[in-house]
Amino acid sequence: MNVNEEKMKTVLSFLKSLLHGTNKRILNLLEKEKELDIVRIANELKTNNSIVRPFLLELRDCGILLTRREDRSVLYSINQTFHEDLLKTIDEIFATDNNSKETF
């Protein structure tokens, strides 16, 4: 897999994660609150931990969320570096596409 394919895979993984409304709600919440544990996220979304956990893990595994331990809690926050890299990658992909197209 070349670099562009790897970057495209990252972008597609991110976009796929946004297809589910719960992921979007989690990201909106963390954008506002900056850092929360699973209990607070579940409470804010009016659901329970077991429903939220798989979504948090998916977002973490995609690189969208960061985690850190504080005592017995795991705190989740948005990975700003991922966000910046994603925008740069999207620009690069579209710049490559635009450069490879023939003009009429």
Foldseek 3Di string as FASTA:
>chain_A
DDPLVVLVVLLVLVVVLVVDPLLVLLQVVCVVVFKDFLCVSCVVVVHDSVVCVVSQVSCVVSVQWDWDDDPPTIMIGGDVVSVVVNVVSVVVNVVVVVVPDDDD
